[in-house]
Protein backbone atom coordinates (compact mmCIF):
# COMPACT_ATOMS: atom_id res chain seq x y z
CA UNK A 1 50.45 128.75 118.39
CA UNK A 2 47.73 129.52 115.18
CA UNK A 3 46.45 125.90 115.19
CA UNK A 4 43.98 126.59 118.60
CA UNK A 5 43.06 123.04 117.77
CA UNK A 6 47.04 122.21 118.51
CA UNK A 7 47.13 124.23 121.24
CA UNK A 8 44.32 122.46 123.25
CA UNK A 9 46.17 118.98 122.91
CA UNK A 10 49.51 120.76 124.36
CA UNK A 11 47.60 122.69 127.08
CA UNK A 12 45.41 119.74 128.37
CA UNK A 13 46.51 119.13 132.20
CA UNK A 14 49.35 121.99 131.95
CA UNK A 15 49.27 124.24 135.31
CA UNK A 16 51.18 127.35 133.97
CA UNK A 17 52.43 128.65 130.19
CA UNK A 18 55.45 130.68 129.86
CA UNK A 19 54.46 132.19 126.40
CA UNK A 20 58.08 133.50 124.84
CA UNK A 21 57.09 132.84 121.27
CA UNK A 22 56.84 135.66 118.64
CA UNK A 23 58.39 137.84 115.88
CA UNK A 24 61.57 138.25 117.34
CA UNK A 25 62.13 141.37 114.90
CA UNK A 26 61.52 144.97 115.81
CA UNK A 27 62.41 146.48 112.40
CA UNK A 28 59.98 146.45 109.12
CA UNK A 29 62.01 146.18 105.91
CA UNK A 30 60.10 147.44 102.88
CA UNK A 31 58.26 144.22 101.51
CA UNK A 32 57.54 142.91 104.85
CA UNK A 33 53.98 141.90 104.71
CA UNK A 34 52.38 144.24 107.78
CA UNK A 35 50.10 141.59 109.06
CA UNK A 36 53.20 139.50 110.47
CA UNK A 37 53.34 140.93 113.72
CA UNK A 38 49.30 141.37 114.08
CA UNK A 39 49.80 137.38 112.76
CA UNK A 40 52.46 136.04 115.27
CA UNK A 41 52.14 138.33 118.34
CA UNK A 42 48.31 138.97 118.51
CA UNK A 43 46.45 136.23 116.81
CA UNK A 44 49.01 133.70 118.64
CA UNK A 45 48.57 135.69 122.40
CA UNK A 46 44.89 134.89 121.69
CA UNK A 47 44.92 131.94 120.84
CA UNK A 48 47.22 130.53 123.80
CA UNK A 49 44.85 132.80 126.08
CA UNK A 50 41.84 131.25 125.33
CA UNK A 51 43.12 128.15 124.80
CA UNK A 52 44.44 127.91 128.59
CA UNK A 53 40.56 129.67 129.26
CA UNK A 54 39.17 126.11 128.00
CA UNK A 55 41.20 124.08 129.50
CA UNK A 56 41.38 125.48 133.00
CA UNK A 57 44.91 126.71 133.40
CA UNK A 58 45.33 129.54 135.50
CA UNK A 59 48.79 131.35 135.40
CA UNK A 60 50.76 132.66 132.30
CA UNK A 61 53.74 134.62 132.29
CA UNK A 62 54.58 136.81 129.11
CA UNK A 63 57.58 137.60 126.97
CA UNK A 64 56.43 141.71 126.53
CA UNK A 65 59.56 144.01 125.39
CA UNK A 66 60.33 147.62 126.28
CA UNK A 67 59.42 148.66 122.68
CA UNK A 68 56.10 149.14 123.82
CA UNK A 69 57.61 152.28 125.20
CA UNK A 70 59.03 153.99 121.87
CA UNK A 71 61.04 156.84 121.79
CA UNK A 72 61.82 157.41 125.67
CA UNK A 73 64.13 160.26 126.73
CA UNK A 74 63.65 159.13 130.93
CA UNK A 75 66.38 156.75 131.94
CA UNK A 76 65.67 154.55 133.63
CA UNK A 77 62.45 153.84 132.23
CA UNK A 78 59.80 152.82 134.47
CA UNK A 79 56.47 150.65 134.18
CA UNK A 80 54.42 153.46 134.61
CA UNK A 81 55.98 155.15 131.83
CA UNK A 82 53.12 155.84 128.94
CA UNK A 83 54.01 153.88 125.74
CA UNK A 84 54.19 155.57 122.72
CA UNK A 85 55.54 152.37 120.52
CA UNK A 86 56.81 153.72 116.88
CA UNK A 87 57.07 149.77 115.34
CA UNK A 88 54.34 147.29 114.81
CA UNK A 89 56.37 144.63 117.21
CA UNK A 90 56.18 147.31 119.70
CA UNK A 91 52.15 147.73 119.06
CA UNK A 92 51.25 144.62 118.96
CA UNK A 93 53.09 143.34 121.88
CA UNK A 94 51.59 145.94 124.11
CA UNK A 95 48.23 144.70 122.42
CA UNK A 96 49.17 141.72 123.93
CA UNK A 97 49.58 142.72 126.94
CA UNK A 98 46.07 144.73 127.20
CA UNK A 99 44.61 141.45 125.82
CA UNK A 100 46.60 139.23 128.68
CA UNK A 101 45.36 142.00 131.13
CA UNK A 102 41.31 141.82 130.16
CA UNK A 103 41.90 138.09 130.54
CA UNK A 104 43.37 137.66 133.82
CA UNK A 105 40.68 139.92 135.18
CA UNK A 106 37.44 138.36 133.43
CA UNK A 107 38.50 134.97 134.05
CA UNK A 108 40.84 135.36 137.37
CA UNK A 109 43.66 134.23 136.01
CA UNK A 110 47.42 135.18 137.37
CA UNK A 111 49.76 136.48 135.00
CA UNK A 112 53.41 137.88 134.93
CA UNK A 113 54.03 141.15 132.06
CA UNK A 114 58.06 140.65 130.95
CA UNK A 115 59.00 143.94 129.10
CA UNK A 116 62.83 143.12 128.55
CA UNK A 117 65.59 145.28 127.24
CA UNK A 118 67.98 143.81 125.44
CA UNK A 119 68.89 140.19 125.96
CA UNK A 120 72.00 137.92 124.82
CA UNK A 121 73.21 134.49 125.15
CA UNK A 122 75.28 131.99 122.76
CA UNK A 123 72.35 131.62 120.73
CA UNK A 124 72.02 135.32 119.64
CA UNK A 125 71.34 135.44 116.02
CA UNK A 126 75.09 136.16 114.53
CA UNK A 127 73.91 138.33 111.63
CA UNK A 128 69.91 140.85 110.58
CA UNK A 129 68.87 141.06 114.35
CA UNK A 130 71.03 142.66 116.49
CA UNK A 131 73.97 145.50 116.42
CA UNK A 132 76.60 142.42 117.17
CA UNK A 133 75.61 140.35 114.23
CA UNK A 134 75.51 143.35 111.85
CA UNK A 135 78.38 144.34 113.11
CA UNK A 136 79.88 140.64 112.35
CA UNK A 137 78.61 140.34 108.64
CA UNK A 138 80.21 143.74 107.74
CA UNK A 139 83.21 143.41 109.09
CA UNK A 140 83.56 140.36 107.57
CA UNK A 141 83.32 141.83 104.46
CA UNK A 142 85.46 144.57 105.13
CA UNK A 143 87.89 144.50 108.08
CA UNK A 144 89.12 147.92 107.43
CA UNK A 145 85.79 150.41 108.63
CA UNK A 146 83.06 150.69 110.02
CA UNK A 147 79.78 151.89 109.04
CA UNK A 148 77.67 153.05 112.66
CA UNK A 149 73.93 154.54 112.20
CA UNK A 150 73.95 157.37 114.64
CA UNK A 151 76.65 158.74 116.58
CA UNK A 152 77.56 156.23 118.32
CA UNK A 153 76.57 156.98 121.63
CA UNK A 154 73.42 155.14 121.93
CA UNK A 155 72.83 153.17 124.98
CA UNK A 156 70.97 150.70 126.35
CA UNK A 157 71.34 147.46 129.18
CA UNK A 158 72.29 144.46 128.03
CA UNK A 159 70.74 141.46 129.68
CA UNK A 160 72.48 137.59 129.54
CA UNK A 161 69.68 135.26 128.57
CA UNK A 162 70.49 133.20 131.36
CA UNK A 163 69.87 136.11 133.88
CA UNK A 164 66.60 137.34 132.35
CA UNK A 165 65.27 133.51 133.00
CA UNK A 166 66.39 133.52 136.68
CA UNK A 167 64.63 137.01 136.86
CA UNK A 168 61.49 135.34 135.43
CA UNK A 169 61.71 132.68 137.76
CA UNK A 170 62.22 134.43 140.60
CA UNK A 171 59.60 137.07 139.91
CA UNK A 172 57.00 134.34 139.34
CA UNK A 173 57.97 132.10 142.61
CA UNK A 174 57.41 135.59 144.60
CA UNK A 175 54.76 137.81 143.68
CA UNK A 176 50.98 137.62 144.71
CA UNK A 177 48.37 136.63 142.79
CA UNK A 178 47.08 138.47 140.17
CA UNK A 179 48.18 140.54 137.22
CA UNK A 180 51.90 141.97 137.33
CA UNK A 181 54.23 143.54 135.05
CA UNK A 182 58.03 144.34 135.43
CA UNK A 183 60.73 145.95 133.05
CA UNK A 184 63.74 143.37 133.06
CA UNK A 185 67.37 145.06 132.34
CA UNK A 186 70.60 145.91 134.67
CA UNK A 187 71.02 149.38 135.67
CA UNK A 188 74.19 149.89 133.46
CA UNK A 189 74.32 150.19 129.77
CA UNK A 190 76.80 149.76 126.63
CA UNK A 191 77.02 152.33 123.78
CA UNK A 192 77.04 151.42 120.21
CA UNK A 193 80.81 152.36 120.37
CA UNK A 194 81.80 150.16 123.12
CA UNK A 195 80.42 146.79 121.23
CA UNK A 196 82.27 147.90 118.05
CA UNK A 197 85.38 148.26 120.40
CA UNK A 198 84.58 144.85 122.09
CA UNK A 199 83.47 143.15 119.00
CA UNK A 200 86.64 143.90 117.20
CA UNK A 201 88.82 143.29 120.58
CA UNK A 202 87.18 139.44 120.52
CA UNK A 203 88.68 139.23 116.61
CA UNK A 204 91.61 140.37 116.94
CA UNK A 205 91.05 143.64 114.67
CA UNK A 206 93.11 146.49 115.37
CA UNK A 207 92.88 150.26 113.66
CA UNK A 208 89.30 149.57 112.51
CA UNK A 209 87.97 153.23 111.18
CA UNK A 210 84.67 153.87 112.25
CA UNK A 211 82.40 155.73 109.68
CA UNK A 212 79.27 157.51 111.29
CA UNK A 213 75.64 157.91 109.37
CA UNK A 214 74.82 160.93 111.71
CA UNK A 215 72.58 162.49 114.22
CA UNK A 216 71.10 160.25 117.15
CA UNK A 217 70.47 157.38 114.75
CA UNK A 218 66.51 155.71 115.76
CA UNK A 219 65.73 154.97 119.52
CA UNK A 220 63.19 152.07 119.57
CA UNK A 221 63.07 151.52 122.55
CA UNK A 222 63.50 147.70 122.59
CA UNK A 223 67.36 148.57 121.73
CA UNK A 224 68.42 151.92 120.80
CA UNK A 225 71.77 149.75 120.48
CA UNK A 226 70.72 146.24 119.27
CA UNK A 227 67.99 146.36 117.25
CA UNK A 228 67.63 149.59 115.08
CA UNK A 229 70.45 148.22 113.36
CA UNK A 230 68.31 146.56 110.57
CA UNK A 231 68.30 149.41 107.96
CA UNK A 232 72.02 148.56 106.47
CA UNK A 233 73.97 150.87 108.77
CA UNK A 234 75.52 148.73 111.78
CA UNK A 235 78.04 147.04 110.80
CA UNK A 236 79.96 143.61 111.09
CA UNK A 237 83.30 142.15 111.81
CA UNK A 238 85.31 139.79 109.65
CA UNK A 239 88.33 137.11 109.94
CA UNK A 240 91.30 138.64 112.41
CA UNK A 241 93.37 139.40 109.11
CA UNK A 242 92.76 141.69 106.09
CA UNK A 243 92.99 138.74 103.65
CA UNK A 244 90.06 136.82 104.73
CA UNK A 245 91.39 133.07 104.16
CA UNK A 246 89.07 130.31 104.95
CA UNK A 247 91.37 129.69 108.36
CA UNK A 248 91.57 132.65 109.30
CA UNK A 249 87.46 133.37 108.70
CA UNK A 250 87.12 130.00 110.83
CA UNK A 251 89.10 131.46 113.83
CA UNK A 252 87.34 134.17 113.55
CA UNK A 253 84.08 132.77 114.06
CA UNK A 254 85.73 130.28 116.36
CA UNK A 255 86.42 133.43 118.86
CA UNK A 256 83.65 135.00 118.27
CA UNK A 257 81.03 132.12 119.84
CA UNK A 258 82.90 132.34 122.51
CA UNK A 259 83.26 135.80 123.52
CA UNK A 260 80.08 137.71 121.54
CA UNK A 261 77.80 137.52 124.50
CA UNK A 262 79.90 136.78 127.43
CA UNK A 263 82.48 139.93 126.21
CA UNK A 264 79.40 141.94 127.10
CA UNK A 265 79.60 140.91 131.03
CA UNK A 266 83.08 140.43 130.80
CA UNK A 267 83.54 144.19 130.15
CA UNK A 268 81.06 145.71 132.97
CA UNK A 269 83.57 144.05 135.51
CA UNK A 270 82.10 140.64 134.89
CA UNK A 271 78.86 141.69 137.01
CA UNK A 272 76.20 138.87 137.53
CA UNK A 273 72.89 140.10 137.99
CA UNK A 274 71.39 138.18 140.32
CA UNK A 275 67.27 138.00 139.56
CA UNK A 276 66.04 140.18 142.39
CA UNK A 277 68.77 143.54 141.05
CA UNK A 278 67.63 142.73 137.64
CA UNK A 279 63.74 143.22 138.37
CA UNK A 280 62.73 147.06 138.40
CA UNK A 281 59.41 147.50 140.25
CA UNK A 282 56.03 146.48 139.12
CA UNK A 283 53.48 148.66 137.92
CA UNK A 284 49.98 146.39 139.23
CA UNK A 285 51.04 146.11 142.68
CA UNK A 286 53.73 146.94 145.50
CA UNK A 287 56.42 145.23 145.00
CA UNK A 288 59.64 143.55 147.02
CA UNK A 289 61.03 143.74 143.19
CA UNK A 290 62.51 147.51 143.10
CA UNK A 291 66.25 148.53 142.20
């Protein structure tokens, strides 16, 4: 996506672009290049928009993030909440939204901006990016204890990937032409403590000691519970026995693969959100997608 010529070849004759590509990590680790999000979010999005303009592609659906809001005490967060990103990821996604708005106004495009909460699914990263992955990683190393950043009460909404896709398609199909912005999430939430219990249950672990770092933990809004994990604190999961044999580890991974994301849905009472219910209102137009 940093190659305009390649983008032109792909977008020739296309009617609509679903732009989901980006650097997926909110966290910034010491030693990371500070222009990573600039390159992978802002420049890639500009290249997509400019190629759309050159090729006459009229419509764009863009995956933004609730990280644009930063630390927000207002829950649930509405689209008219003033953005105050505290991460490079959130800041560059907000810049992308502004650029999309300008292209839409100047060149008559139809654009849908979706600010995702926490999206989970079968292909959830197993380490380094989510609280579930970090719990898995650390409990594999020590199944007797789990260090949790903050006080364990941080909570955020989680959404299955298929529900997220359904919501996007529903909005694109039912919204009028123009520019629209939607928060996409659920009207419930899970705390970090509850996620820890679910992961331990999925792996057959009992009596795990929880150790808290104190405070309320970081609250970057894309994921109070899921994306603030990368600073070496939120733990993970091991095999089903303290003796981590190869067979036990394989069995644990197998169980987790079947249950890591689906467990979240099951523990919400097997709730299946319909696309129309996970969309909140649009900040640009009156909309039928009110909660």
